[in-house]
């Protein structure tokens, strides 16, 4: 059933993580069409040499688009890092945060890099106003991604679907840019992303395991859940 449901979904799946072996393994999965990572994921994975990890990865991932993020907090250093990262490969997208840590917009730098041919992935957007600003910045430049953190919008108690739907409409004026549904919390988000016409969704390696639940019979799922609870109670040796 999962294959049938996935075959009907147009939204592409990018795997989000920093596990080199896991990324390489997922590259052989036809469901996965690209990769993203970030400094937080790298740090949690115990990595200490950013460039060395990226180079090892790019030796194995040569055709899938893959995004690496700058970690500077001012435009000049972001520019330097972005140009270096971009030079690592044709399939590399450079993640640029929508603002600095003080809230200064990076739209001017995004425009400069994009018009100079750097493929950017502008990240950490939460509002349609930000999407409008960044769409204007990339519409005349290289291929790009705009990552809206729908999962974190939901964490704030706000329905992300209208924001994502409006973002799709806004980005129509930048045909070389694609919208990423970032930070999903559940497989339902893949269905929602597809329903609003979002181009890409990033899914962590752990969440990817739940793809097999897509389209599953709820009656069968209920039975499997009962069986799981019973089996765990028996395995634990519980008595009353």
Protein backbone atom coordinates (compact mmCIF):
# COMPACT_ATOMS: atom_id res chain seq x y z
CA UNK A 1 0.00 0.00 0.00
CA UNK A 2 2.79 2.45 0.89
CA UNK A 3 4.23 2.25 -2.61
CA UNK A 4 0.84 3.00 -4.13
CA UNK A 5 0.29 6.04 -1.89
CA UNK A 6 3.82 7.38 -2.44
CA UNK A 7 3.45 6.96 -6.18
CA UNK A 8 0.57 9.44 -6.04
CA UNK A 9 2.59 12.08 -4.16
CA UNK A 10 4.48 14.69 -6.16
CA UNK A 11 6.35 16.27 -3.25
CA UNK A 12 9.95 15.05 -3.30
CA UNK A 13 11.63 13.70 -0.17
CA UNK A 14 15.01 14.97 1.01
CA UNK A 15 16.64 13.10 3.91
CA UNK A 16 17.79 15.36 6.75
CA UNK A 17 20.72 14.19 8.84
CA UNK A 18 24.47 14.04 9.44
CA UNK A 19 25.16 10.30 9.58
CA UNK A 20 27.53 9.63 6.68
CA UNK A 21 26.82 5.90 6.41
CA UNK A 22 23.10 6.53 6.73
CA UNK A 23 23.15 9.18 4.01
CA UNK A 24 25.12 6.96 1.65
CA UNK A 25 22.68 4.10 2.24
CA UNK A 26 19.69 6.36 1.59
CA UNK A 27 21.22 7.53 -1.69
CA UNK A 28 20.36 4.12 -3.10
CA UNK A 29 16.71 4.54 -2.11
CA UNK A 30 14.67 5.81 -5.08
CA UNK A 31 12.29 7.54 -2.67
CA UNK A 32 15.08 9.92 -1.58
CA UNK A 33 15.99 12.60 -4.12
CA UNK A 34 18.23 14.90 -2.08
CA UNK A 35 19.84 15.61 1.28
CA UNK A 36 20.09 18.41 3.82
CA UNK A 37 22.15 18.83 6.95
CA UNK A 38 23.02 21.62 9.38
CA UNK A 39 25.59 22.44 12.09
CA UNK A 40 23.26 21.27 14.88
CA UNK A 41 22.82 17.83 13.30
CA UNK A 42 26.58 17.60 12.69
CA UNK A 43 27.36 18.55 16.29
CA UNK A 44 24.87 16.00 17.66
CA UNK A 45 26.50 13.37 15.43
CA UNK A 46 29.85 14.12 17.11
CA UNK A 47 31.48 15.72 14.08
CA UNK A 48 34.28 18.22 14.63
CA UNK A 49 35.68 18.83 11.12
CA UNK A 50 32.95 20.34 8.95
CA UNK A 51 34.88 20.46 5.67
CA UNK A 52 36.34 16.97 6.08
CA UNK A 53 32.88 15.49 6.66
CA UNK A 54 31.46 17.34 3.65
CA UNK A 55 34.27 16.21 1.37
CA UNK A 56 33.91 12.57 2.43
CA UNK A 57 30.20 12.81 1.81
CA UNK A 58 30.55 14.46 -1.59
CA UNK A 59 32.92 11.70 -2.72
CA UNK A 60 29.93 9.37 -2.40
CA UNK A 61 26.99 11.69 -3.13
CA UNK A 62 27.68 13.08 -6.59
CA UNK A 63 24.28 13.59 -8.22
CA UNK A 64 21.74 14.17 -5.43
CA UNK A 65 21.43 17.82 -4.38
CA UNK A 66 22.85 18.29 -0.88
CA UNK A 67 22.74 21.37 1.34
CA UNK A 68 25.49 22.53 3.72
CA UNK A 69 24.97 25.53 5.97
CA UNK A 70 27.22 28.49 6.71
CA UNK A 71 27.76 29.09 10.42
CA UNK A 72 28.95 32.70 10.41
CA UNK A 73 26.86 35.51 11.88
CA UNK A 74 27.75 38.45 9.64
CA UNK A 75 27.35 39.03 5.92
CA UNK A 76 31.04 39.22 5.03
CA UNK A 77 31.96 35.92 6.67
CA UNK A 78 28.78 34.27 5.40
CA UNK A 79 29.75 35.33 1.89
CA UNK A 80 33.24 33.85 2.27
CA UNK A 81 31.92 30.58 3.67
CA UNK A 82 29.16 30.39 1.05
CA UNK A 83 31.59 30.77 -1.84
CA UNK A 84 33.86 28.10 -0.35
CA UNK A 85 31.03 25.66 0.26
CA UNK A 86 29.60 26.26 -3.20
CA UNK A 87 32.96 25.35 -4.73
CA UNK A 88 32.76 21.84 -3.28
CA UNK A 89 30.49 20.50 -6.01
CA UNK A 90 27.85 21.17 -8.65
CA UNK A 91 25.24 19.40 -6.54
CA UNK A 92 25.90 21.59 -3.49
CA UNK A 93 23.37 24.11 -2.19
CA UNK A 94 24.50 26.62 0.43
CA UNK A 95 22.18 27.13 3.37
CA UNK A 96 21.94 30.79 4.38
CA UNK A 97 19.86 31.76 7.43
CA UNK A 98 17.10 34.25 6.73
CA UNK A 99 18.60 36.59 9.36
CA UNK A 100 21.61 36.91 11.62
CA UNK A 101 21.25 36.06 15.32
CA UNK A 102 20.36 39.73 15.88
CA UNK A 103 17.57 39.65 13.32
CA UNK A 104 19.38 41.43 10.46
CA UNK A 105 17.92 40.30 7.14
CA UNK A 106 20.26 38.37 4.88
CA UNK A 107 18.13 39.06 1.79
CA UNK A 108 20.77 41.39 0.25
CA UNK A 109 23.46 38.73 0.60
CA UNK A 110 21.08 36.06 -0.71
CA UNK A 111 20.40 38.20 -3.78
CA UNK A 112 24.11 38.79 -4.37
CA UNK A 113 25.03 35.12 -4.06
CA UNK A 114 22.09 33.91 -6.14
CA UNK A 115 22.77 36.37 -8.94
CA UNK A 116 26.44 35.32 -8.88
CA UNK A 117 25.38 31.72 -9.57
CA UNK A 118 25.53 30.26 -6.06
CA UNK A 119 22.72 27.78 -5.43
CA UNK A 120 21.31 28.86 -2.08
CA UNK A 121 18.95 27.18 0.36
CA UNK A 122 17.59 30.01 2.48
CA UNK A 123 16.65 28.53 5.83
CA UNK A 124 14.70 29.18 9.04
CA UNK A 125 11.80 31.08 7.47
CA UNK A 126 8.54 31.13 9.45
CA UNK A 127 6.35 33.84 7.90
CA UNK A 128 4.93 34.67 4.49
CA UNK A 129 6.51 38.12 4.79
CA UNK A 130 9.91 36.42 4.93
CA UNK A 131 8.97 34.25 1.96
CA UNK A 132 8.02 37.34 -0.05
CA UNK A 133 11.35 39.02 0.77
CA UNK A 134 13.49 36.00 -0.11
CA UNK A 135 11.48 35.16 -3.24
CA UNK A 136 12.20 38.66 -4.50
CA UNK A 137 15.89 38.13 -3.73
CA UNK A 138 16.27 34.85 -5.63
CA UNK A 139 13.87 35.28 -8.54
CA UNK A 140 16.56 36.47 -10.94
CA UNK A 141 19.31 34.13 -9.82
CA UNK A 142 20.44 30.53 -9.78
CA UNK A 143 18.34 27.54 -8.80
CA UNK A 144 17.45 27.80 -5.12
CA UNK A 145 15.42 26.44 -2.23
CA UNK A 146 13.41 28.33 0.38
CA UNK A 147 12.98 26.35 3.60
CA UNK A 148 9.94 27.20 5.72
CA UNK A 149 9.98 25.49 9.11
CA UNK A 150 6.43 24.20 9.10
CA UNK A 151 7.03 21.82 12.00
CA UNK A 152 8.21 24.59 14.29
CA UNK A 153 5.30 26.76 13.19
CA UNK A 154 3.05 23.93 14.38
CA UNK A 155 5.03 23.76 17.64
CA UNK A 156 3.93 27.37 18.22
CA UNK A 157 0.30 26.24 18.02
CA UNK A 158 -0.22 27.69 14.55
CA UNK A 159 -1.49 25.66 11.60
CA UNK A 160 1.34 25.74 9.02
CA UNK A 161 -0.79 24.59 6.09
CA UNK A 162 -2.16 28.04 5.12
CA UNK A 163 1.33 29.52 5.41
CA UNK A 164 2.79 26.81 3.18
CA UNK A 165 -0.03 27.15 0.66
CA UNK A 166 0.47 30.90 0.47
CA UNK A 167 4.24 30.39 0.14
CA UNK A 168 3.67 28.23 -2.94
CA UNK A 169 1.66 31.06 -4.48
CA UNK A 170 4.27 33.70 -3.62
CA UNK A 171 7.11 31.64 -5.05
CA UNK A 172 5.41 31.28 -8.43
CA UNK A 173 7.24 34.47 -9.41
CA UNK A 174 10.58 32.70 -8.86
CA UNK A 175 10.29 29.62 -11.11
CA UNK A 176 13.88 28.49 -10.39
CA UNK A 177 13.19 28.36 -6.65
CA UNK A 178 11.50 25.48 -4.83
CA UNK A 179 9.72 25.45 -1.49
CA UNK A 180 10.90 23.06 1.23
CA UNK A 181 8.54 21.95 4.01
CA UNK A 182 11.14 21.80 6.78
CA UNK A 183 11.08 20.25 10.27
CA UNK A 184 8.13 17.88 9.77
CA UNK A 185 6.86 16.14 12.87
CA UNK A 186 4.85 13.28 11.35
CA UNK A 187 4.24 11.50 8.06
CA UNK A 188 0.93 13.35 7.72
CA UNK A 189 3.06 16.39 6.90
CA UNK A 190 4.15 14.70 3.65
CA UNK A 191 0.52 14.36 2.63
CA UNK A 192 -0.19 17.96 3.63
CA UNK A 193 2.85 19.22 1.72
CA UNK A 194 1.68 17.43 -1.39
CA UNK A 195 -1.85 18.77 -1.05
CA UNK A 196 -0.65 22.40 -1.10
CA UNK A 197 1.84 21.81 -3.94
CA UNK A 198 5.01 22.10 -1.86
CA UNK A 199 7.96 20.94 -3.97
CA UNK A 200 10.09 19.21 -1.30
CA UNK A 201 9.89 17.97 2.27
CA UNK A 202 12.89 17.22 4.48
CA UNK A 203 12.49 14.14 6.67
CA UNK A 204 14.91 12.94 9.35
CA UNK A 205 16.30 9.43 9.16
CA UNK A 206 14.19 8.33 12.16
CA UNK A 207 10.97 9.69 10.68
CA UNK A 208 11.70 8.06 7.32
CA UNK A 209 11.12 4.69 9.01
CA UNK A 210 7.45 5.64 9.42
CA UNK A 211 6.92 5.90 5.65
CA UNK A 212 5.87 2.27 5.77
CA UNK A 213 2.82 3.35 7.77
CA UNK A 214 1.57 5.54 4.92
CA UNK A 215 -1.72 4.15 3.64
CA UNK A 216 -1.87 1.38 6.24
CA UNK A 217 -5.30 0.00 7.20
CA UNK A 218 -6.32 1.54 10.52
CA UNK A 219 -7.93 -1.73 11.58
CA UNK A 220 -4.67 -3.57 10.95
CA UNK A 221 -2.70 -0.83 12.70
CA UNK A 222 -5.03 -1.12 15.72
CA UNK A 223 -4.49 -4.88 15.89
CA UNK A 224 -0.69 -4.49 15.62
CA UNK A 225 -0.77 -1.94 18.45
CA UNK A 226 -2.71 -4.30 20.73
CA UNK A 227 -0.26 -7.08 19.85
CA UNK A 228 2.68 -4.80 20.67
CA UNK A 229 1.32 -3.87 24.11
CA UNK A 230 0.60 -7.53 24.92
CA UNK A 231 3.96 -8.73 23.67
CA UNK A 232 5.84 -6.10 25.66
CA UNK A 233 3.92 -6.94 28.84
CA UNK A 234 4.77 -10.65 28.40
CA UNK A 235 8.42 -9.86 27.66
CA UNK A 236 8.62 -7.71 30.78
CA UNK A 237 7.26 -10.56 32.89
CA UNK A 238 4.59 -8.41 34.50
CA UNK A 239 2.29 -10.17 36.99
CA UNK A 240 -0.62 -9.03 39.17
